[in-house]
Amino acid sequence: MPVKQIRKADFFIAGMPRSGTTSLYTYLKQHPGIYLSLYKEPHFFSKDLTQSSYNIQDEEIYNTLFAHAGDQQVTGEGSVWYLSSKKAALAIKEYNPQARIIIMLRNPVDMIYSLHSL
């Protein structure tokens, strides 16, 4: 029986809160050639931030997020706090040197109004 190869994320969505990361995640999830983890915001690479206390700590568990991806699908995930982390970018590069990071930004004034209206 062949051993299934471990899948790693090919791209990451990072950004500021209320900058459209969830919308982009939702749009990309609809594409048949893209597999996004069912668990949004795993925050695996932002271990230096205390607000991401609900992050996945173990790489083996993290990689299971992509286990159901098809062989021809590009894999990705979205964790907003990667942009604020001082360690996430280097950790992502060490994890997958070919990975791409999509950064979502928004005018800070508009972001504050959006956060306030929650």
PDB file of N, CA and C in Angstrom:
ATOM      1  N   MET A   1       0.852  -1.175   0.000  1.00  0.00           N
ATOM      2  CA  MET A   1       0.000   0.000   0.000  1.00  0.00           C
ATOM      3  C   MET A   1       0.898   1.238   0.000  1.00  0.00           C
ATOM      4  N   PRO A   2       0.713   2.153  -0.976  1.00  0.00           N
ATOM      5  CA  PRO A   2       1.582   3.332  -1.039  1.00  0.00           C
ATOM      6  C   PRO A   2       1.322   4.285   0.132  1.00  0.00           C
ATOM      7  N   VAL A   3       2.392   4.891   0.603  1.00  0.00           N
ATOM      8  CA  VAL A   3       2.300   5.855   1.686  1.00  0.00           C
ATOM      9  C   VAL A   3       1.918   7.200   1.093  1.00  0.00           C
ATOM     10  N   LYS A   4       0.899   7.826   1.659  1.00  0.00           N
ATOM     11  CA  LYS A   4       0.466   9.128   1.160  1.00  0.00           C
ATOM     12  C   LYS A   4       1.485  10.193   1.576  1.00  0.00           C
ATOM     13  N   GLN A   5       1.882  11.002   0.617  1.00  0.00           N
ATOM     14  CA  GLN A   5       2.854  12.055   0.875  1.00  0.00           C
ATOM     15  C   GLN A   5       2.229  13.145   1.743  1.00  0.00           C
ATOM     16  N   ILE A   6       3.015  13.670   2.662  1.00  0.00           N
ATOM     17  CA  ILE A   6       2.533  14.748   3.529  1.00  0.00           C
ATOM     18  C   ILE A   6       2.357  16.001   2.694  1.00  0.00           C
ATOM     19  N   ARG A   7       1.188  16.601   2.778  1.00  0.00           N
ATOM     20  CA  ARG A   7       0.910  17.856   2.076  1.00  0.00           C
ATOM     21  C   ARG A   7       1.207  19.010   3.011  1.00  0.00           C
ATOM     22  N   LYS A   8       1.807  20.031   2.457  1.00  0.00           N
ATOM     23  CA  LYS A   8       2.068  21.262   3.196  1.00  0.00           C
ATOM     24  C   LYS A   8       1.365  22.402   2.483  1.00  0.00           C
ATOM     25  N   ALA A   9       1.105  23.464   3.210  1.00  0.00           N
ATOM     26  CA  ALA A   9       0.451  24.627   2.615  1.00  0.00           C
ATOM     27  C   ALA A   9       1.364  25.258   1.573  1.00  0.00           C
ATOM     28  N   ASP A  10       0.771  25.603   0.427  1.00  0.00           N
ATOM     29  CA  ASP A  10       1.490  26.270  -0.648  1.00  0.00           C
ATOM     30  C   ASP A  10       1.405  27.788  -0.543  1.00  0.00           C
ATOM     31  N   PHE A  11       0.339  28.268   0.116  1.00  0.00           N
ATOM     32  CA  PHE A  11       0.187  29.713   0.269  1.00  0.00           C
ATOM     33  C   PHE A  11      -0.534  30.029   1.572  1.00  0.00           C
ATOM     34  N   PHE A  12      -0.361  31.270   2.001  1.00  0.00           N
ATOM     35  CA  PHE A  12      -0.916  31.738   3.267  1.00  0.00           C
ATOM     36  C   PHE A  12      -1.576  33.089   3.051  1.00  0.00           C
ATOM     37  N   ILE A  13      -2.712  33.290   3.699  1.00  0.00           N
ATOM     38  CA  ILE A  13      -3.391  34.583   3.675  1.00  0.00           C
ATOM     39  C   ILE A  13      -3.152  35.220   5.036  1.00  0.00           C
ATOM     40  N   ALA A  14      -2.569  36.403   5.036  1.00  0.00           N
ATOM     41  CA  ALA A  14      -2.300  37.145   6.270  1.00  0.00           C
ATOM     42  C   ALA A  14      -2.838  38.552   6.093  1.00  0.00           C
ATOM     43  N   GLY A  15      -3.085  39.235   7.183  1.00  0.00           N
ATOM     44  CA  GLY A  15      -3.564  40.608   7.061  1.00  0.00           C
ATOM     45  C   GLY A  15      -3.970  41.178   8.399  1.00  0.00           C
ATOM     46  N   MET A  16      -4.484  42.361   8.338  1.00  0.00           N
ATOM     47  CA  MET A  16      -4.996  43.011   9.533  1.00  0.00           C
ATOM     48  C   MET A  16      -6.448  42.598   9.741  1.00  0.00           C
ATOM     49  N   PRO A  17      -6.942  42.655  10.971  1.00  0.00           N
ATOM     50  CA  PRO A  17      -8.356  42.343  11.192  1.00  0.00           C
ATOM     51  C   PRO A  17      -9.233  43.267  10.342  1.00  0.00           C
ATOM     52  N   ARG A  18     -10.317  42.726   9.840  1.00  0.00           N
ATOM     53  CA  ARG A  18     -11.311  43.470   9.061  1.00  0.00           C
ATOM     54  C   ARG A  18     -10.740  43.998   7.746  1.00  0.00           C
ATOM     55  N   SER A  19      -9.755  43.265   7.186  1.00  0.00           N
ATOM     56  CA  SER A  19      -9.145  43.716   5.931  1.00  0.00           C
ATOM     57  C   SER A  19      -9.542  42.849   4.727  1.00  0.00           C
ATOM     58  N   GLY A  20     -10.432  41.907   4.924  1.00  0.00           N
ATOM     59  CA  GLY A  20     -10.906  41.089   3.814  1.00  0.00           C
ATOM     60  C   GLY A  20     -10.314  39.699   3.748  1.00  0.00           C
ATOM     61  N   THR A  21      -9.595  39.268   4.782  1.00  0.00           N
ATOM     62  CA  THR A  21      -8.985  37.940   4.744  1.00  0.00           C
ATOM     63  C   THR A  21     -10.047  36.844   4.682  1.00  0.00           C
ATOM     64  N   THR A  22     -11.127  36.994   5.427  1.00  0.00           N
ATOM     65  CA  THR A  22     -12.185  35.981   5.411  1.00  0.00           C
ATOM     66  C   THR A  22     -12.881  35.952   4.062  1.00  0.00           C
ATOM     67  N   SER A  23     -13.106  37.106   3.476  1.00  0.00           N
ATOM     68  CA  SER A  23     -13.732  37.143   2.148  1.00  0.00           C
ATOM     69  C   SER A  23     -12.854  36.449   1.115  1.00  0.00           C
ATOM     70  N   LEU A  24     -11.566  36.758   1.109  1.00  0.00           N
ATOM     71  CA  LEU A  24     -10.664  36.123   0.158  1.00  0.00           C
ATOM     72  C   LEU A  24     -10.629  34.615   0.379  1.00  0.00           C
ATOM     73  N   TYR A  25     -10.562  34.202   1.627  1.00  0.00           N
ATOM     74  CA  TYR A  25     -10.569  32.779   1.981  1.00  0.00           C
ATOM     75  C   TYR A  25     -11.824  32.104   1.417  1.00  0.00           C
ATOM     76  N   THR A  26     -12.968  32.737   1.593  1.00  0.00           N
ATOM     77  CA  THR A  26     -14.242  32.191   1.119  1.00  0.00           C
ATOM     78  C   THR A  26     -14.270  32.098  -0.401  1.00  0.00           C
ATOM     79  N   TYR A  27     -13.797  33.125  -1.090  1.00  0.00           N
ATOM     80  CA  TYR A  27     -13.783  33.110  -2.557  1.00  0.00           C
ATOM     81  C   TYR A  27     -12.853  32.019  -3.091  1.00  0.00           C
ATOM     82  N   LEU A  28     -11.647  31.934  -2.530  1.00  0.00           N
ATOM     83  CA  LEU A  28     -10.680  30.944  -3.006  1.00  0.00           C
ATOM     84  C   LEU A  28     -11.144  29.518  -2.721  1.00  0.00           C
ATOM     85  N   LYS A  29     -11.862  29.322  -1.629  1.00  0.00           N
ATOM     86  CA  LYS A  29     -12.346  27.998  -1.240  1.00  0.00           C
ATOM     87  C   LYS A  29     -13.305  27.421  -2.279  1.00  0.00           C
ATOM     88  N   GLN A  30     -13.939  28.280  -3.063  1.00  0.00           N
ATOM     89  CA  GLN A  30     -14.891  27.848  -4.080  1.00  0.00           C
ATOM     90  C   GLN A  30     -14.206  27.328  -5.351  1.00  0.00           C
ATOM     91  N   HIS A  31     -12.928  27.605  -5.519  1.00  0.00           N
ATOM     92  CA  HIS A  31     -12.215  27.201  -6.728  1.00  0.00           C
ATOM     93  C   HIS A  31     -11.831  25.716  -6.621  1.00  0.00           C
ATOM     94  N   PRO A  32     -12.138  24.915  -7.651  1.00  0.00           N
ATOM     95  CA  PRO A  32     -11.831  23.477  -7.570  1.00  0.00           C
ATOM     96  C   PRO A  32     -10.339  23.152  -7.546  1.00  0.00           C
ATOM     97  N   GLY A  33      -9.495  24.055  -7.979  1.00  0.00           N
ATOM     98  CA  GLY A  33      -8.056  23.809  -7.984  1.00  0.00           C
ATOM     99  C   GLY A  33      -7.356  24.244  -6.716  1.00  0.00           C
ATOM    100  N   ILE A  34      -8.134  24.715  -5.738  1.00  0.00           N
ATOM    101  CA  ILE A  34      -7.559  25.217  -4.489  1.00  0.00           C
ATOM    102  C   ILE A  34      -8.181  24.467  -3.321  1.00  0.00           C
ATOM    103  N   TYR A  35      -7.350  24.019  -2.406  1.00  0.00           N
ATOM    104  CA  TYR A  35      -7.824  23.379  -1.181  1.00  0.00           C
ATOM    105  C   TYR A  35      -7.400  24.247  -0.008  1.00  0.00           C
ATOM    106  N   LEU A  36      -8.371  24.783   0.698  1.00  0.00           N
ATOM    107  CA  LEU A  36      -8.092  25.557   1.911  1.00  0.00           C
ATOM    108  C   LEU A  36      -8.494  24.734   3.110  1.00  0.00           C
ATOM    109  N   SER A  37      -7.704  24.837   4.168  1.00  0.00           N
ATOM    110  CA  SER A  37      -7.994  24.071   5.377  1.00  0.00           C
ATOM    111  C   SER A  37      -9.405  24.380   5.866  1.00  0.00           C
ATOM    112  N   LEU A  38     -10.061  23.366   6.396  1.00  0.00           N
ATOM    113  CA  LEU A  38     -11.409  23.567   6.930  1.00  0.00           C
ATOM    114  C   LEU A  38     -11.373  24.475   8.154  1.00  0.00           C
ATOM    115  N   TYR A  39     -10.253  24.458   8.844  1.00  0.00           N
ATOM    116  CA  TYR A  39     -10.082  25.236  10.059  1.00  0.00           C
ATOM    117  C   TYR A  39      -9.374  26.540   9.697  1.00  0.00           C
ATOM    118  N   LYS A  40     -10.133  27.632   9.615  1.00  0.00           N
ATOM    119  CA  LYS A  40      -9.527  28.930   9.308  1.00  0.00           C
ATOM    120  C   LYS A  40      -8.879  29.482  10.576  1.00  0.00           C
ATOM    121  N   GLU A  41      -7.820  30.192  10.394  1.00  0.00           N
ATOM    122  CA  GLU A  41      -7.084  30.828  11.492  1.00  0.00           C
ATOM    123  C   GLU A  41      -6.400  29.826  12.432  1.00  0.00           C
ATOM    124  N   PRO A  42      -5.639  28.874  11.904  1.00  0.00           N
ATOM    125  CA  PRO A  42      -4.928  27.966  12.811  1.00  0.00           C
ATOM    126  C   PRO A  42      -3.777  28.638  13.559  1.00  0.00           C
ATOM    127  N   HIS A  43      -3.258  29.732  13.028  1.00  0.00           N
ATOM    128  CA  HIS A  43      -2.192  30.507  13.693  1.00  0.00           C
ATOM    129  C   HIS A  43      -0.981  29.666  14.078  1.00  0.00           C
ATOM    130  N   PHE A  44      -0.679  28.660  13.287  1.00  0.00           N
ATOM    131  CA  PHE A  44       0.428  27.762  13.610  1.00  0.00           C
ATOM    132  C   PHE A  44       1.772  28.482  13.661  1.00  0.00           C
ATOM    133  N   PHE A  45       1.987  29.461  12.813  1.00  0.00           N
ATOM    134  CA  PHE A  45       3.293  30.110  12.713  1.00  0.00           C
ATOM    135  C   PHE A  45       3.417  31.380  13.546  1.00  0.00           C
ATOM    136  N   SER A  46       2.374  31.772  14.251  1.00  0.00           N
ATOM    137  CA  SER A  46       2.438  32.997  15.071  1.00  0.00           C
ATOM    138  C   SER A  46       2.514  32.644  16.550  1.00  0.00           C
ATOM    139  N   LYS A  47       3.437  31.777  16.871  1.00  0.00           N
ATOM    140  CA  LYS A  47       3.566  31.293  18.250  1.00  0.00           C
ATOM    141  C   LYS A  47       4.058  32.355  19.226  1.00  0.00           C
ATOM    142  N   ASP A  48       4.567  33.460  18.712  1.00  0.00           N
ATOM    143  CA  ASP A  48       5.059  34.528  19.582  1.00  0.00           C
ATOM    144  C   ASP A  48       3.947  35.465  20.049  1.00  0.00           C
ATOM    145  N   LEU A  49       2.747  35.288  19.564  1.00  0.00           N
ATOM    146  CA  LEU A  49       1.638  36.175  19.921  1.00  0.00           C
ATOM    147  C   LEU A  49       0.711  35.500  20.916  1.00  0.00           C
ATOM    148  N   THR A  50       0.414  36.197  21.987  1.00  0.00           N
ATOM    149  CA  THR A  50      -0.438  35.609  23.016  1.00  0.00           C
ATOM    150  C   THR A  50      -1.906  35.563  22.600  1.00  0.00           C
ATOM    151  N   GLN A  51      -2.348  36.484  21.722  1.00  0.00           N
ATOM    152  CA  GLN A  51      -3.752  36.474  21.328  1.00  0.00           C
ATOM    153  C   GLN A  51      -4.105  35.268  20.468  1.00  0.00           C
ATOM    154  N   SER A  52      -3.109  34.585  19.977  1.00  0.00           N
ATOM    155  CA  SER A  52      -3.397  33.400  19.177  1.00  0.00           C
ATOM    156  C   SER A  52      -3.222  32.142  20.033  1.00  0.00           C
ATOM    157  N   SER A  53      -3.729  32.182  21.241  1.00  0.00           N
ATOM    158  CA  SER A  53      -3.587  31.058  22.161  1.00  0.00           C
ATOM    159  C   SER A  53      -4.341  29.830  21.677  1.00  0.00           C
ATOM    160  N   TYR A  54      -5.246  30.001  20.723  1.00  0.00           N
ATOM    161  CA  TYR A  54      -6.004  28.880  20.197  1.00  0.00           C
ATOM    162  C   TYR A  54      -5.319  28.273  18.979  1.00  0.00           C
ATOM    163  N   ASN A  55      -4.030  28.584  18.778  1.00  0.00           N
ATOM    164  CA  ASN A  55      -3.331  28.065  17.597  1.00  0.00           C
ATOM    165  C   ASN A  55      -2.955  26.598  17.757  1.00  0.00           C
ATOM    166  N   ILE A  56      -2.701  25.971  16.639  1.00  0.00           N
ATOM    167  CA  ILE A  56      -2.220  24.594  16.611  1.00  0.00           C
ATOM    168  C   ILE A  56      -0.731  24.635  16.914  1.00  0.00           C
ATOM    169  N   GLN A  57      -0.271  23.793  17.816  1.00  0.00           N
ATOM    170  CA  GLN A  57       1.122  23.816  18.244  1.00  0.00           C
ATOM    171  C   GLN A  57       1.990  22.765  17.557  1.00  0.00           C
ATOM    172  N   ASP A  58       1.418  21.660  17.128  1.00  0.00           N
ATOM    173  CA  ASP A  58       2.167  20.529  16.606  1.00  0.00           C
ATOM    174  C   ASP A  58       2.118  20.495  15.074  1.00  0.00           C
ATOM    175  N   GLU A  59       3.305  20.370  14.423  1.00  0.00           N
ATOM    176  CA  GLU A  59       3.355  20.391  12.962  1.00  0.00           C
ATOM    177  C   GLU A  59       2.631  19.199  12.341  1.00  0.00           C
ATOM    178  N   GLU A  60       2.699  18.063  12.973  1.00  0.00           N
ATOM    179  CA  GLU A  60       2.001  16.886  12.444  1.00  0.00           C
ATOM    180  C   GLU A  60       0.486  17.121  12.422  1.00  0.00           C
ATOM    181  N   ILE A  61      -0.033  17.702  13.480  1.00  0.00           N
ATOM    182  CA  ILE A  61      -1.465  18.026  13.525  1.00  0.00           C
ATOM    183  C   ILE A  61      -1.776  19.112  12.500  1.00  0.00           C
ATOM    184  N   TYR A  62      -0.904  20.106  12.400  1.00  0.00           N
ATOM    185  CA  TYR A  62      -1.116  21.177  11.421  1.00  0.00           C
ATOM    186  C   TYR A  62      -1.193  20.613  10.005  1.00  0.00           C
ATOM    187  N   ASN A  63      -0.300  19.712   9.654  1.00  0.00           N
ATOM    188  CA  ASN A  63      -0.286  19.135   8.306  1.00  0.00           C
ATOM    189  C   ASN A  63      -1.543  18.330   7.992  1.00  0.00           C
ATOM    190  N   THR A  64      -2.241  17.842   9.020  1.00  0.00           N
ATOM    191  CA  THR A  64      -3.487  17.116   8.759  1.00  0.00           C
ATOM    192  C   THR A  64      -4.562  18.036   8.189  1.00  0.00           C
ATOM    193  N   LEU A  65      -4.388  19.347   8.324  1.00  0.00           N
ATOM    194  CA  LEU A  65      -5.343  20.292   7.748  1.00  0.00           C
ATOM    195  C   LEU A  65      -5.393  20.178   6.224  1.00  0.00           C
ATOM    196  N   PHE A  66      -4.345  19.636   5.623  1.00  0.00           N
ATOM    197  CA  PHE A  66      -4.240  19.564   4.166  1.00  0.00           C
ATOM    198  C   PHE A  66      -4.274  18.118   3.648  1.00  0.00           C
ATOM    199  N   ALA A  67      -4.535  17.168   4.531  1.00  0.00           N
ATOM    200  CA  ALA A  67      -4.487  15.749   4.178  1.00  0.00           C
ATOM    201  C   ALA A  67      -5.524  15.354   3.128  1.00  0.00           C
ATOM    202  N   HIS A  68      -6.630  16.056   3.045  1.00  0.00           N
ATOM    203  CA  HIS A  68      -7.697  15.693   2.113  1.00  0.00           C
ATOM    204  C   HIS A  68      -7.604  16.439   0.782  1.00  0.00           C
ATOM    205  N   ALA A  69      -6.547  17.176   0.587  1.00  0.00           N
ATOM    206  CA  ALA A  69      -6.376  17.910  -0.674  1.00  0.00           C
ATOM    207  C   ALA A  69      -6.110  16.935  -1.811  1.00  0.00           C
ATOM    208  N   GLY A  70      -6.648  17.249  -2.973  1.00  0.00           N
ATOM    209  CA  GLY A  70      -6.381  16.439  -4.155  1.00  0.00           C
ATOM    210  C   GLY A  70      -4.960  16.649  -4.640  1.00  0.00           C
ATOM    211  N   ASP A  71      -4.470  15.694  -5.390  1.00  0.00           N
ATOM    212  CA  ASP A  71      -3.088  15.757  -5.884  1.00  0.00           C
ATOM    213  C   ASP A  71      -2.828  16.981  -6.759  1.00  0.00           C
ATOM    214  N   GLN A  72      -3.837  17.458  -7.458  1.00  0.00           N
ATOM    215  CA  GLN A  72      -3.679  18.589  -8.372  1.00  0.00           C
ATOM    216  C   GLN A  72      -4.086  19.917  -7.748  1.00  0.00           C
ATOM    217  N   GLN A  73      -4.464  19.911  -6.489  1.00  0.00           N
ATOM    218  CA  GLN A  73      -4.908  21.151  -5.844  1.00  0.00           C
ATOM    219  C   GLN A  73      -3.747  21.879  -5.169  1.00  0.00           C
ATOM    220  N   VAL A  74      -3.819  23.189  -5.198  1.00  0.00           N
ATOM    221  CA  VAL A  74      -2.913  24.046  -4.446  1.00  0.00           C
ATOM    222  C   VAL A  74      -3.518  24.173  -3.051  1.00  0.00           C
ATOM    223  N   THR A  75      -2.691  24.105  -2.015  1.00  0.00           N
ATOM    224  CA  THR A  75      -3.202  24.151  -0.647  1.00  0.00           C
ATOM    225  C   THR A  75      -2.852  25.469   0.026  1.00  0.00           C
ATOM    226  N   GLY A  76      -3.719  25.903   0.923  1.00  0.00           N
ATOM    227  CA  GLY A  76      -3.467  27.144   1.629  1.00  0.00           C
ATOM    228  C   GLY A  76      -4.274  27.260   2.903  1.00  0.00           C
ATOM    229  N   GLU A  77      -3.984  28.300   3.635  1.00  0.00           N
ATOM    230  CA  GLU A  77      -4.715  28.616   4.868  1.00  0.00           C
ATOM    231  C   GLU A  77      -4.655  30.104   5.121  1.00  0.00           C
ATOM    232  N   GLY A  78      -5.500  30.574   6.001  1.00  0.00           N
ATOM    233  CA  GLY A  78      -5.535  31.993   6.326  1.00  0.00           C
ATOM    234  C   GLY A  78      -5.513  32.225   7.823  1.00  0.00           C
ATOM    235  N   SER A  79      -4.551  32.988   8.278  1.00  0.00           N
ATOM    236  CA  SER A  79      -4.434  33.347   9.688  1.00  0.00           C
ATOM    237  C   SER A  79      -4.053  34.822   9.776  1.00  0.00           C
ATOM    238  N   VAL A  80      -4.983  35.620  10.215  1.00  0.00           N
ATOM    239  CA  VAL A  80      -4.802  37.072  10.184  1.00  0.00           C
ATOM    240  C   VAL A  80      -3.585  37.539  10.987  1.00  0.00           C
ATOM    241  N   TRP A  81      -3.245  36.864  12.068  1.00  0.00           N
ATOM    242  CA  TRP A  81      -2.177  37.363  12.937  1.00  0.00           C
ATOM    243  C   TRP A  81      -0.770  37.099  12.406  1.00  0.00           C
ATOM    244  N   TYR A  82      -0.623  36.381  11.303  1.00  0.00           N
ATOM    245  CA  TYR A  82       0.714  36.187  10.738  1.00  0.00           C
ATOM    246  C   TYR A  82       1.369  37.519  10.394  1.00  0.00           C
ATOM    247  N   LEU A  83       0.579  38.487   9.995  1.00  0.00           N
ATOM    248  CA  LEU A  83       1.137  39.794   9.646  1.00  0.00           C
ATOM    249  C   LEU A  83       1.701  40.511  10.870  1.00  0.00           C
ATOM    250  N   SER A  84       1.106  40.312  12.020  1.00  0.00           N
ATOM    251  CA  SER A  84       1.560  40.971  13.251  1.00  0.00           C
ATOM    252  C   SER A  84       2.688  40.222  13.950  1.00  0.00           C
ATOM    253  N   SER A  85       2.897  38.992  13.606  1.00  0.00           N
ATOM    254  CA  SER A  85       3.910  38.158  14.250  1.00  0.00           C
ATOM    255  C   SER A  85       5.310  38.524  13.764  1.00  0.00           C
ATOM    256  N   LYS A  86       6.259  38.546  14.676  1.00  0.00           N
ATOM    257  CA  LYS A  86       7.654  38.802  14.311  1.00  0.00           C
ATOM    258  C   LYS A  86       8.346  37.526  13.843  1.00  0.00           C
ATOM    259  N   LYS A  87       7.730  36.373  14.086  1.00  0.00           N
ATOM    260  CA  LYS A  87       8.368  35.101  13.752  1.00  0.00           C
ATOM    261  C   LYS A  87       7.689  34.352  12.616  1.00  0.00           C
ATOM    262  N   ALA A  88       6.489  34.711  12.248  1.00  0.00           N
ATOM    263  CA  ALA A  88       5.716  33.914  11.288  1.00  0.00           C
ATOM    264  C   ALA A  88       6.365  33.838   9.910  1.00  0.00           C
ATOM    265  N   ALA A  89       6.833  34.941   9.369  1.00  0.00           N
ATOM    266  CA  ALA A  89       7.384  34.934   8.006  1.00  0.00           C
ATOM    267  C   ALA A  89       8.575  33.979   7.894  1.00  0.00           C
ATOM    268  N   LEU A  90       9.491  34.042   8.831  1.00  0.00           N
ATOM    269  CA  LEU A  90      10.658  33.144   8.807  1.00  0.00           C
ATOM    270  C   LEU A  90      10.228  31.695   9.029  1.00  0.00           C
ATOM    271  N   ALA A  91       9.284  31.473   9.932  1.00  0.00           N
ATOM    272  CA  ALA A  91       8.802  30.109  10.192  1.00  0.00           C
ATOM    273  C   ALA A  91       8.124  29.526   8.958  1.00  0.00           C
ATOM    274  N   ILE A  92       7.364  30.347   8.237  1.00  0.00           N
ATOM    275  CA  ILE A  92       6.722  29.896   7.006  1.00  0.00           C
ATOM    276  C   ILE A  92       7.783  29.544   5.964  1.00  0.00           C
ATOM    277  N   LYS A  93       8.816  30.375   5.849  1.00  0.00           N
ATOM    278  CA  LYS A  93       9.885  30.104   4.882  1.00  0.00           C
ATOM    279  C   LYS A  93      10.606  28.800   5.209  1.00  0.00           C
ATOM    280  N   GLU A  94      10.852  28.546   6.486  1.00  0.00           N
ATOM    281  CA  GLU A  94      11.498  27.306   6.889  1.00  0.00           C
ATOM    282  C   GLU A  94      10.595  26.100   6.626  1.00  0.00           C
ATOM    283  N   TYR A  95       9.304  26.277   6.799  1.00  0.00           N
ATOM    284  CA  TYR A  95       8.320  25.209   6.585  1.00  0.00           C
ATOM    285  C   TYR A  95       8.189  24.857   5.104  1.00  0.00           C
ATOM    286  N   ASN A  96       8.074  25.871   4.265  1.00  0.00           N
ATOM    287  CA  ASN A  96       7.946  25.662   2.824  1.00  0.00           C
ATOM    288  C   ASN A  96       8.594  26.848   2.102  1.00  0.00           C
ATOM    289  N   PRO A  97       9.836  26.712   1.692  1.00  0.00           N
ATOM    290  CA  PRO A  97      10.550  27.828   1.043  1.00  0.00           C
ATOM    291  C   PRO A  97       9.881  28.356  -0.223  1.00  0.00           C
ATOM    292  N   GLN A  98       9.054  27.549  -0.886  1.00  0.00           N
ATOM    293  CA  GLN A  98       8.371  27.993  -2.107  1.00  0.00           C
ATOM    294  C   GLN A  98       6.992  28.597  -1.828  1.00  0.00           C
ATOM    295  N   ALA A  99       6.583  28.636  -0.584  1.00  0.00           N
ATOM    296  CA  ALA A  99       5.250  29.144  -0.235  1.00  0.00           C
ATOM    297  C   ALA A  99       5.118  30.622  -0.583  1.00  0.00           C
ATOM    298  N   ARG A 100       3.914  31.008  -0.890  1.00  0.00           N
ATOM    299  CA  ARG A 100       3.575  32.402  -1.172  1.00  0.00           C
ATOM    300  C   ARG A 100       2.718  32.922  -0.024  1.00  0.00           C
ATOM    301  N   ILE A 101       2.860  34.212   0.254  1.00  0.00           N
ATOM    302  CA  ILE A 101       2.056  34.852   1.297  1.00  0.00           C
ATOM    303  C   ILE A 101       1.266  35.980   0.657  1.00  0.00           C
ATOM    304  N   ILE A 102      -0.045  35.922   0.830  1.00  0.00           N
ATOM    305  CA  ILE A 102      -0.932  36.973   0.340  1.00  0.00           C
ATOM    306  C   ILE A 102      -1.242  37.865   1.537  1.00  0.00           C
ATOM    307  N   ILE A 103      -0.917  39.139   1.417  1.00  0.00           N
ATOM    308  CA  ILE A 103      -1.136  40.076   2.522  1.00  0.00           C
ATOM    309  C   ILE A 103      -2.301  40.991   2.186  1.00  0.00           C
ATOM    310  N   MET A 104      -3.268  41.037   3.089  1.00  0.00           N
ATOM    311  CA  MET A 104      -4.450  41.881   2.930  1.00  0.00           C
ATOM    312  C   MET A 104      -4.296  43.094   3.848  1.00  0.00           C
ATOM    313  N   LEU A 105      -4.393  44.287   3.257  1.00  0.00           N
ATOM    314  CA  LEU A 105      -4.278  45.531   4.011  1.00  0.00           C
ATOM    315  C   LEU A 105      -5.537  46.368   3.828  1.00  0.00           C
ATOM    316  N   ARG A 106      -5.749  47.292   4.739  1.00  0.00           N
ATOM    317  CA  ARG A 106      -6.896  48.188   4.664  1.00  0.00           C
ATOM    318  C   ARG A 106      -6.514  49.507   5.325  1.00  0.00           C
ATOM    319  N   ASN A 107      -7.106  50.572   4.837  1.00  0.00           N
ATOM    320  CA  ASN A 107      -6.897  51.877   5.454  1.00  0.00           C
ATOM    321  C   ASN A 107      -7.195  51.756   6.956  1.00  0.00           C
ATOM    322  N   PRO A 108      -6.244  52.116   7.825  1.00  0.00           N
ATOM    323  CA  PRO A 108      -6.446  51.950   9.271  1.00  0.00           C
ATOM    324  C   PRO A 108      -7.697  52.667   9.810  1.00  0.00           C
ATOM    325  N   VAL A 109      -8.022  53.816   9.259  1.00  0.00           N
ATOM    326  CA  VAL A 109      -9.207  54.546   9.723  1.00  0.00           C
ATOM    327  C   VAL A 109     -10.467  53.739   9.417  1.00  0.00           C
ATOM    328  N   ASP A 110     -10.551  53.194   8.196  1.00  0.00           N
ATOM    329  CA  ASP A 110     -11.696  52.368   7.832  1.00  0.00           C
ATOM    330  C   ASP A 110     -11.761  51.103   8.685  1.00  0.00           C
ATOM    331  N   MET A 111     -10.598  50.545   8.992  1.00  0.00           N
ATOM    332  CA  MET A 111     -10.561  49.341   9.816  1.00  0.00           C
ATOM    333  C   MET A 111     -11.121  49.622  11.212  1.00  0.00           C
ATOM    334  N   ILE A 112     -10.738  50.742  11.800  1.00  0.00           N
ATOM    335  CA  ILE A 112     -11.218  51.096  13.139  1.00  0.00           C
ATOM    336  C   ILE A 112     -12.739  51.280  13.131  1.00  0.00           C
ATOM    337  N   TYR A 113     -13.264  51.960  12.118  1.00  0.00           N
ATOM    338  CA  TYR A 113     -14.728  52.102  12.019  1.00  0.00           C
ATOM    339  C   TYR A 113     -15.397  50.735  11.917  1.00  0.00           C
ATOM    340  N   SER A 114     -14.810  49.848  11.137  1.00  0.00           N
ATOM    341  CA  SER A 114     -15.366  48.511  10.974  1.00  0.00           C
ATOM    342  C   SER A 114     -15.329  47.728  12.279  1.00  0.00           C
ATOM    343  N   LEU A 115     -14.209  47.802  13.003  1.00  0.00           N
ATOM    344  CA  LEU A 115     -14.105  47.128  14.295  1.00  0.00           C
ATOM    345  C   LEU A 115     -15.107  47.709  15.294  1.00  0.00           C
ATOM    346  N   HIS A 116     -15.275  49.008  15.275  1.00  0.00           N
ATOM    347  CA  HIS A 116     -16.176  49.664  16.215  1.00  0.00           C
ATOM    348  C   HIS A 116     -17.631  49.260  15.972  1.00  0.00           C
ATOM    349  N   SER A 117     -17.985  49.009  14.709  1.00  0.00           N
ATOM    350  CA  SER A 117     -19.372  48.709  14.381  1.00  0.00           C
ATOM    351  C   SER A 117     -19.732  47.236  14.568  1.00  0.00           C
ATOM    352  N   LEU A 118     -18.818  46.448  15.092  1.00  0.00           N
ATOM    353  CA  LEU A 118     -19.127  45.028  15.332  1.00  0.00           C
ATOM    354  C   LEU A 118     -20.215  44.939  16.322  1.00  0.00           C
TER     355      LEU A 118
END
